Amino acid sequence: MQGTTWIGKGAGVVLGALLFMGNPGPAHAQAVRTVWAWGLNNSGQLGNGTQTNSALPVQVNNVTAAMSVAAGGGHSLALMRDGTVEAWGLNRNGQLGDGTQLNRTVPVRVSNMRGAAAVAAGIGHSLALMRDGTVVAWGLNNCGQLGDGTNRDRSIPTRVSNLTGVASIAAGSDYSIALKRDGTVWAWGDNTYGQLGNGTNQNRSVPTRVSDLDGVSAIAAGMVHSLALVRDGTVWAWGGNTHGQLGNGSTRDTNVPTQVPDLTGVTSIAAGMLHTLALKSDGTVWAWGFNYFGQLGDESRTSRSVPVQVTMITGVTAIAAGGEDSLALRRNGTVWAWGSHASRIPDQVAYLNGVTAVAAGGTLMLAIERQTPSS
């Protein structure tokens, strides 16, 4: 399979940026794990000490032990090996968690953060899953997306109310989702389009359970639509559906989960601003929703309300969906992209090899590159 060097991302709008990990390898190897970023940089979200946009990956300053990454509307997060979190970029609402509202062009340590196990980033808020199964949140809280029972912004992490036993997290534009170890899903924040999945369209400032959904193994959150992967390999979706991003053959919103028809064998899911990706066990990628920028990767600009296969890419181990772009991590450690300012089919991202994780946000993309020190 041949591809051309991807010309990096242009302006995105917003989305809930999600983490999608490859194989990080054993922690005891103490490999150097550098973070690379590309896209818009008006708020310093590339983390390289400048505000210069970059169409090619640039190295984030002073981050060499990252285990996972998340990209928001204009800010970035990195989970470190020691359970701390680094953040950089836009900080208007305190989404960097350093107690200020100052933008940062290089990473700063999130305050009072130890024992984090995963991170997620929305348009203006951030989440961290702690090793004890609780969740903390910080940043914008106009819709209750921090889950602390208020609508007050926070510039340092605050605990999400009445939520324990959590296994994974996702952040939408102005809402949040958590998957518990018992396979149930809980959501809070903006619910204008039914993206909380509880049968209403009322915002919630504390977690509420998503209706009629059990046995879930993974979750994802887009701008206003949500996804759940069930253990049997099926995918369920709810929320906004103006461009068919729920994949059920219609463009009607729904405030309860509905199954994506004729899609089985799925192992991973990703939600972009208005499009959706699914990775199957055979290493193929399927996509649906908005496609004006070619983010579905099917050689067209036609939006799809049912899944179509992404062209010319196999052997994929992880996926991520951004504002107008999509990413795939292949088994050989290379990263492939399609969508805005790129091809309508996957092209290889320049310079990146040995990548273990990718993430996509509204204005930028992130990748972790693993290098084992020579003995």
Protein backbone atom coordinates (compact mmCIF):
# COMPACT_ATOMS: atom_id res chain seq x y z
CA MET A 1 0.00 0.00 0.00
CA GLN A 2 1.44 3.33 -1.03
CA GLY A 3 0.50 6.74 0.31
CA THR A 4 1.79 10.27 0.19
CA THR A 5 2.98 12.35 3.10
CA TRP A 6 -0.05 13.76 4.88
CA ILE A 7 -0.37 17.52 4.75
CA GLY A 8 -1.43 18.36 8.27
CA LYS A 9 -4.66 19.53 9.74
CA GLY A 10 -6.38 22.83 9.11
CA ALA A 11 -8.99 24.52 11.26
CA GLY A 12 -11.24 22.25 13.21
CA VAL A 13 -14.29 23.32 15.17
CA VAL A 14 -14.79 21.25 18.29
CA LEU A 15 -15.17 17.70 19.37
CA GLY A 16 -14.65 15.49 22.33
CA ALA A 17 -11.20 14.21 21.90
CA LEU A 18 -10.69 10.63 22.74
CA LEU A 19 -7.68 8.45 23.51
CA PHE A 20 -7.10 5.34 21.44
CA MET A 21 -4.11 3.32 22.47
CA GLY A 22 -1.93 0.85 20.67
CA ASN A 23 0.42 -1.48 22.51
CA PRO A 24 2.52 0.58 24.94
CA GLY A 25 4.81 -2.28 25.84
CA PRO A 26 5.95 -3.23 29.33
CA ALA A 27 6.29 -0.37 31.78
CA HIS A 28 9.49 -1.86 33.21
CA ALA A 29 11.30 -1.23 29.90
CA GLN A 30 11.44 2.47 30.81
CA ALA A 31 11.36 3.37 27.13
CA VAL A 32 11.43 7.01 26.10
CA ARG A 33 7.90 7.94 25.04
CA THR A 34 7.95 11.25 23.22
CA VAL A 35 4.80 13.07 22.14
CA TRP A 36 4.41 14.55 18.67
CA ALA A 37 1.73 17.04 17.59
CA TRP A 38 0.57 18.71 14.41
CA GLY A 39 -2.21 21.06 13.33
CA LEU A 40 -3.27 24.49 14.57
CA ASN A 41 -1.18 26.13 17.29
CA ASN A 42 -2.79 29.50 17.94
CA SER A 43 -3.07 28.72 21.66
CA GLY A 44 0.11 26.68 22.00
CA GLN A 45 -1.71 23.35 21.71
CA LEU A 46 1.24 21.73 19.93
CA GLY A 47 3.33 22.22 23.06
CA ASN A 48 6.59 23.12 21.32
CA GLY A 49 7.00 26.59 22.81
CA THR A 50 5.60 28.44 19.80
CA GLN A 51 2.26 29.50 18.37
CA THR A 52 3.18 28.50 14.84
CA ASN A 53 0.90 26.06 13.05
CA SER A 54 2.55 22.91 11.72
CA ALA A 55 1.41 20.61 8.95
CA LEU A 56 4.02 18.06 10.01
CA PRO A 57 4.61 16.50 13.44
CA VAL A 58 6.65 18.54 15.91
CA GLN A 59 7.92 17.24 19.23
CA VAL A 60 6.18 18.39 22.39
CA ASN A 61 8.71 19.91 24.80
CA ASN A 62 9.90 18.05 27.89
CA VAL A 63 7.57 15.03 27.69
CA THR A 64 9.50 11.76 27.57
CA ALA A 65 7.45 9.37 29.70
CA ALA A 66 3.95 9.66 28.27
CA MET A 67 1.71 6.61 28.43
CA SER A 68 -1.36 8.08 26.70
CA VAL A 69 -2.59 11.37 25.25
CA ALA A 70 -5.82 13.26 24.66
CA ALA A 71 -6.61 16.24 22.43
CA GLY A 72 -9.40 18.72 23.10
CA GLY A 73 -10.82 21.71 21.28
CA GLY A 74 -7.61 23.72 21.75
CA HIS A 75 -5.68 21.95 24.50
CA SER A 76 -3.76 18.72 25.01
CA LEU A 77 -3.17 16.27 27.85
CA ALA A 78 -0.53 13.63 28.46
CA LEU A 79 -0.73 10.91 31.12
CA MET A 80 2.73 10.25 32.51
CA ARG A 81 4.22 6.99 33.68
CA ASP A 82 4.14 8.14 37.32
CA GLY A 83 0.40 8.89 37.26
CA THR A 84 0.75 12.65 36.89
CA VAL A 85 -0.77 14.61 34.00
CA GLU A 86 0.81 17.31 31.83
CA ALA A 87 -1.32 19.85 29.93
CA TRP A 88 -0.75 22.60 27.39
CA GLY A 89 -2.58 24.94 25.02
CA LEU A 90 -5.79 26.92 25.53
CA ASN A 91 -6.65 27.60 29.18
CA ARG A 92 -9.46 30.17 29.04
CA ASN A 93 -11.67 28.09 31.33
CA GLY A 94 -8.98 26.43 33.41
CA GLN A 95 -8.89 23.29 31.28
CA LEU A 96 -5.15 22.87 31.90
CA GLY A 97 -5.81 22.38 35.59
CA ASP A 98 -2.85 24.40 36.84
CA GLY A 99 -4.90 26.87 38.89
CA THR A 100 -4.68 29.63 36.28
CA GLN A 101 -6.40 30.75 33.08
CA LEU A 102 -3.16 31.39 31.22
CA ASN A 103 -2.53 29.65 27.91
CA ARG A 104 0.63 27.52 27.87
CA THR A 105 2.83 26.81 24.87
CA VAL A 106 4.77 24.14 26.77
CA PRO A 107 3.43 21.46 29.13
CA VAL A 108 2.59 22.29 32.75
CA ARG A 109 1.74 19.86 35.54
CA VAL A 110 -1.95 19.51 36.42
CA SER A 111 -2.35 20.50 40.07
CA ASN A 112 -2.90 17.95 42.83
CA MET A 113 -2.81 15.06 40.38
CA ARG A 114 -1.37 11.69 41.38
CA GLY A 115 -2.52 8.21 40.54
CA ALA A 116 -4.19 8.98 37.21
CA ALA A 117 -4.83 6.03 34.89
CA ALA A 118 -6.42 7.69 31.82
CA VAL A 119 -7.25 11.14 30.46
CA ALA A 120 -9.87 12.65 28.14
CA ALA A 121 -10.41 16.16 26.78
CA GLY A 122 -13.51 18.01 25.57
CA ILE A 123 -13.79 21.39 23.94
CA GLY A 124 -13.06 23.26 27.18
CA HIS A 125 -12.91 20.65 29.94
CA SER A 126 -10.68 17.78 30.96
CA LEU A 127 -11.16 14.45 32.72
CA ALA A 128 -8.88 12.03 34.49
CA LEU A 129 -9.70 8.50 35.60
CA MET A 130 -7.92 7.66 38.83
CA ARG A 131 -6.47 4.27 39.70
CA ASP A 132 -9.05 3.87 42.47
CA GLY A 133 -11.90 4.03 39.92
CA THR A 134 -13.02 7.60 40.66
CA VAL A 135 -13.01 10.45 38.14
CA VAL A 136 -11.86 14.05 38.49
CA ALA A 137 -12.66 16.93 36.14
CA TRP A 138 -11.64 20.54 35.53
CA GLY A 139 -12.22 23.42 33.12
CA LEU A 140 -15.45 24.67 31.55
CA ASN A 141 -18.62 23.69 33.41
CA ASN A 142 -21.40 25.72 31.78
CA CYS A 143 -23.49 22.60 31.12
CA GLY A 144 -22.47 20.61 34.19
CA GLN A 145 -19.83 18.64 32.27
CA LEU A 146 -17.56 18.47 35.34
CA GLY A 147 -20.18 16.42 37.15
CA ASP A 148 -19.77 18.07 40.54
CA GLY A 149 -23.38 19.24 40.85
CA THR A 150 -22.60 22.84 39.87
CA ASN A 151 -22.11 24.96 36.76
CA ARG A 152 -18.98 26.64 38.09
CA ASP A 153 -15.73 26.41 36.12
CA ARG A 154 -12.77 24.84 37.91
CA SER A 155 -9.08 25.54 37.28
CA ILE A 156 -7.94 22.59 39.40
CA PRO A 157 -9.32 19.03 39.43
CA THR A 158 -12.55 18.38 41.32
CA ARG A 159 -14.09 14.99 41.96
CA VAL A 160 -17.10 13.90 39.89
CA SER A 161 -19.99 13.26 42.30
CA ASN A 162 -21.24 9.78 43.16
CA LEU A 163 -19.11 7.93 40.64
CA THR A 164 -16.95 4.93 41.52
CA GLY A 165 -15.84 1.70 39.91
CA VAL A 166 -15.03 3.41 36.60
CA ALA A 167 -13.03 1.59 33.92
CA SER A 168 -12.80 4.23 31.16
CA ILE A 169 -13.81 7.79 30.31
CA ALA A 170 -14.67 9.93 27.28
CA ALA A 171 -15.27 13.65 26.81
CA GLY A 172 -17.69 15.15 24.31
CA SER A 173 -17.83 18.81 23.39
CA ASP A 174 -19.67 19.88 26.57
CA TYR A 175 -20.48 16.55 28.20
CA SER A 176 -18.73 13.54 29.69
CA ILE A 177 -19.18 9.76 29.73
CA ALA A 178 -17.87 7.05 32.02
CA LEU A 179 -17.91 3.27 31.62
CA LYS A 180 -18.09 1.37 34.88
CA ARG A 181 -16.44 -1.98 35.50
CA ASP A 182 -19.89 -3.57 35.67
CA GLY A 183 -20.49 -2.70 31.99
CA THR A 184 -22.94 0.17 32.58
CA VAL A 185 -22.45 3.66 31.13
CA TRP A 186 -23.00 6.98 32.91
CA ALA A 187 -23.10 10.49 31.42
CA TRP A 188 -23.43 14.13 32.47
CA GLY A 189 -23.34 17.65 31.02
CA ASP A 190 -25.00 18.99 27.87
CA ASN A 191 -27.97 16.93 26.68
CA THR A 192 -29.48 19.16 24.00
CA TYR A 193 -29.37 16.39 21.40
CA GLY A 194 -29.91 13.47 23.76
CA GLN A 195 -26.20 12.68 23.94
CA LEU A 196 -26.52 11.57 27.58
CA GLY A 197 -28.74 8.70 26.42
CA ASN A 198 -31.16 8.74 29.35
CA GLY A 199 -34.37 9.29 27.38
CA THR A 200 -34.51 13.06 28.04
CA ASN A 201 -32.97 16.22 26.63
CA GLN A 202 -32.24 17.84 29.98
CA ASN A 203 -28.71 18.76 31.03
CA ARG A 204 -27.31 16.95 34.07
CA SER A 205 -24.64 18.22 36.46
CA VAL A 206 -24.15 14.81 38.07
CA PRO A 207 -23.78 11.39 36.40
CA THR A 208 -26.95 9.63 35.21
CA ARG A 209 -27.13 6.15 33.79
CA VAL A 210 -27.47 5.64 30.03
CA SER A 211 -30.72 3.76 29.40
CA ASP A 212 -30.95 0.06 28.53
CA LEU A 213 -27.25 -0.49 28.00
CA ASP A 214 -25.27 -3.29 29.64
CA GLY A 215 -22.22 -5.37 28.86
CA VAL A 216 -20.31 -2.42 27.41
CA SER A 217 -16.56 -2.72 26.81
CA ALA A 218 -15.69 0.71 25.34
CA ILE A 219 -17.17 4.20 24.92
CA ALA A 220 -16.60 7.25 22.72
CA ALA A 221 -17.95 10.79 22.58
CA GLY A 222 -18.12 13.20 19.65
CA MET A 223 -19.39 16.75 19.46
CA VAL A 224 -22.99 15.78 20.30
CA HIS A 225 -23.16 12.02 19.69
CA SER A 226 -22.09 9.09 21.83
CA LEU A 227 -21.07 5.49 21.19
CA ALA A 228 -20.80 2.25 23.11
CA LEU A 229 -19.09 -0.96 22.04
CA VAL A 230 -20.76 -4.01 23.56
CA ARG A 231 -18.81 -7.15 24.43
CA ASP A 232 -20.49 -9.07 21.60
CA GLY A 233 -18.82 -6.75 19.05
CA THR A 234 -21.88 -4.65 18.24
CA VAL A 235 -21.99 -0.84 18.39
CA TRP A 236 -24.74 1.34 19.85
CA ALA A 237 -25.12 5.10 19.31
CA TRP A 238 -27.25 8.01 20.51
CA GLY A 239 -27.44 11.82 20.39
CA GLY A 240 -27.14 14.18 17.42
CA ASN A 241 -27.53 12.63 13.98
CA THR A 242 -27.74 15.49 11.47
CA HIS A 243 -25.24 13.83 9.13
CA GLY A 244 -25.93 10.17 9.89
CA GLN A 245 -23.19 9.89 12.53
CA LEU A 246 -25.28 7.39 14.51
CA GLY A 247 -25.01 4.94 11.61
CA ASN A 248 -28.60 3.69 11.77
CA GLY A 249 -29.64 4.70 8.24
CA SER A 250 -31.42 7.90 9.31
CA THR A 251 -30.59 11.49 10.21
CA ARG A 252 -32.93 11.69 13.22
CA ASP A 253 -31.55 12.40 16.67
CA THR A 254 -32.23 9.88 19.41
CA ASN A 255 -31.92 10.20 23.19
CA VAL A 256 -31.60 6.46 23.83
CA PRO A 257 -29.06 3.99 22.43
CA THR A 258 -29.81 2.42 19.06
CA GLN A 259 -27.79 -0.33 17.43
CA VAL A 260 -25.69 0.37 14.35
CA PRO A 261 -27.12 -2.24 11.95
CA ASP A 262 -25.03 -4.85 10.16
CA LEU A 263 -21.86 -4.02 12.05
CA THR A 264 -20.23 -6.83 14.04
CA GLY A 265 -16.77 -7.94 15.08
CA VAL A 266 -15.85 -4.45 16.26
CA THR A 267 -12.95 -4.07 18.70
CA SER A 268 -12.60 -0.26 18.96
CA ILE A 269 -14.66 2.88 18.30
CA ALA A 270 -13.98 6.58 17.82
CA ALA A 271 -16.24 9.61 17.56
CA GLY A 272 -15.25 12.76 15.70
CA MET A 273 -17.04 16.05 15.47
CA LEU A 274 -19.73 14.74 13.10
CA HIS A 275 -18.37 11.37 12.00
CA THR A 276 -17.68 7.98 13.52
CA LEU A 277 -15.09 5.21 13.11
CA ALA A 278 -15.08 1.53 14.03
CA LEU A 279 -12.14 -0.87 13.98
CA LYS A 280 -12.94 -4.52 13.28
CA SER A 281 -11.06 -7.56 14.54
CA ASP A 282 -9.72 -8.18 11.01
CA GLY A 283 -7.84 -4.84 11.09
CA THR A 284 -10.20 -2.99 8.74
CA VAL A 285 -11.73 0.41 9.54
CA TRP A 286 -15.34 1.41 8.90
CA ALA A 287 -16.75 4.94 8.93
CA TRP A 288 -20.01 6.88 8.73
CA GLY A 289 -21.41 10.39 9.17
CA PHE A 290 -20.27 13.74 7.77
CA ASN A 291 -17.83 13.41 4.87
CA TYR A 292 -17.40 16.84 3.27
CA PHE A 293 -13.66 16.78 4.00
CA GLY A 294 -13.19 13.12 3.11
CA GLN A 295 -12.96 12.06 6.75
CA LEU A 296 -14.70 8.76 6.00
CA GLY A 297 -11.84 7.71 3.75
CA ASP A 298 -14.00 6.12 1.04
CA GLU A 299 -12.66 8.27 -1.84
CA SER A 300 -15.77 10.48 -1.80
CA ARG A 301 -17.22 13.53 -0.09
CA THR A 302 -20.63 11.93 0.31
CA SER A 303 -21.94 11.71 3.87
CA ARG A 304 -23.06 8.22 4.92
CA SER A 305 -25.75 7.18 7.40
CA VAL A 306 -24.52 3.56 7.43
CA PRO A 307 -20.95 2.24 7.77
CA VAL A 308 -18.66 2.09 4.74
CA GLN A 309 -15.17 0.59 4.67
CA VAL A 310 -12.21 2.97 4.70
CA THR A 311 -10.28 2.43 1.49
CA MET A 312 -6.80 0.96 1.20
CA ILE A 313 -5.90 0.37 4.82
CA THR A 314 -5.61 -2.86 6.80
CA GLY A 315 -3.57 -4.08 9.74
CA VAL A 316 -4.91 -1.30 11.96
CA THR A 317 -4.60 -1.56 15.76
CA ALA A 318 -6.00 1.80 16.93
CA ILE A 319 -8.14 4.67 15.59
CA ALA A 320 -8.95 8.28 16.43
CA ALA A 321 -11.44 10.77 14.99
CA GLY A 322 -10.94 14.54 14.99
CA GLY A 323 -12.89 17.58 13.93
CA GLU A 324 -12.50 16.99 10.21
CA ASP A 325 -9.94 14.19 10.13
CA SER A 326 -9.35 10.57 11.02
CA LEU A 327 -6.27 8.66 12.17
CA ALA A 328 -5.28 5.00 12.11
CA LEU A 329 -2.31 3.36 13.83
CA ARG A 330 -1.03 0.28 12.00
CA ARG A 331 0.71 -2.77 13.48
CA ASN A 332 4.04 -1.60 12.10
CA GLY A 333 3.88 1.58 14.21
CA THR A 334 3.09 3.97 11.38
CA VAL A 335 0.23 6.50 11.46
CA TRP A 336 -2.16 7.12 8.57
CA ALA A 337 -4.56 10.05 8.17
CA TRP A 338 -7.38 11.20 5.92
CA GLY A 339 -9.77 14.15 5.82
CA SER A 340 -9.29 17.90 6.04
CA HIS A 341 -6.31 19.22 4.03
CA ALA A 342 -5.41 15.63 3.22
CA SER A 343 -6.45 12.91 0.82
CA ARG A 344 -9.86 11.26 0.76
CA ILE A 345 -7.97 8.00 1.29
CA PRO A 346 -5.45 7.21 4.03
CA ASP A 347 -1.95 8.68 3.61
CA GLN A 348 1.01 8.05 5.86
CA VAL A 349 1.94 10.77 8.34
CA ALA A 350 5.54 11.84 7.83
CA TYR A 351 8.41 11.07 10.21
CA LEU A 352 6.46 8.92 12.67
CA ASN A 353 7.51 5.33 13.39
CA GLY A 354 7.22 3.14 16.47
CA VAL A 355 4.00 4.89 17.49
CA THR A 356 2.01 3.32 20.33
CA ALA A 357 -0.97 5.68 20.70
CA VAL A 358 -2.83 8.35 18.74
CA ALA A 359 -5.41 11.00 19.60
CA ALA A 360 -7.34 13.60 17.62
CA GLY A 361 -8.88 16.89 18.69
CA GLY A 362 -10.76 19.76 17.18
CA THR A 363 -7.61 21.51 15.95
CA LEU A 364 -4.73 19.09 16.33
CA MET A 365 -3.48 15.50 16.30
CA LEU A 366 -1.19 13.73 18.78
CA ALA A 367 0.95 10.61 18.70
CA ILE A 368 3.24 8.87 21.19
CA GLU A 369 6.46 7.45 19.75
CA ARG A 370 8.25 4.78 21.76
CA GLN A 371 12.00 4.41 21.69
CA THR A 372 13.78 1.83 23.84
CA PRO A 373 17.15 3.11 25.04
CA SER A 374 20.05 1.06 23.69
CA SER A 375 21.97 -0.88 26.31
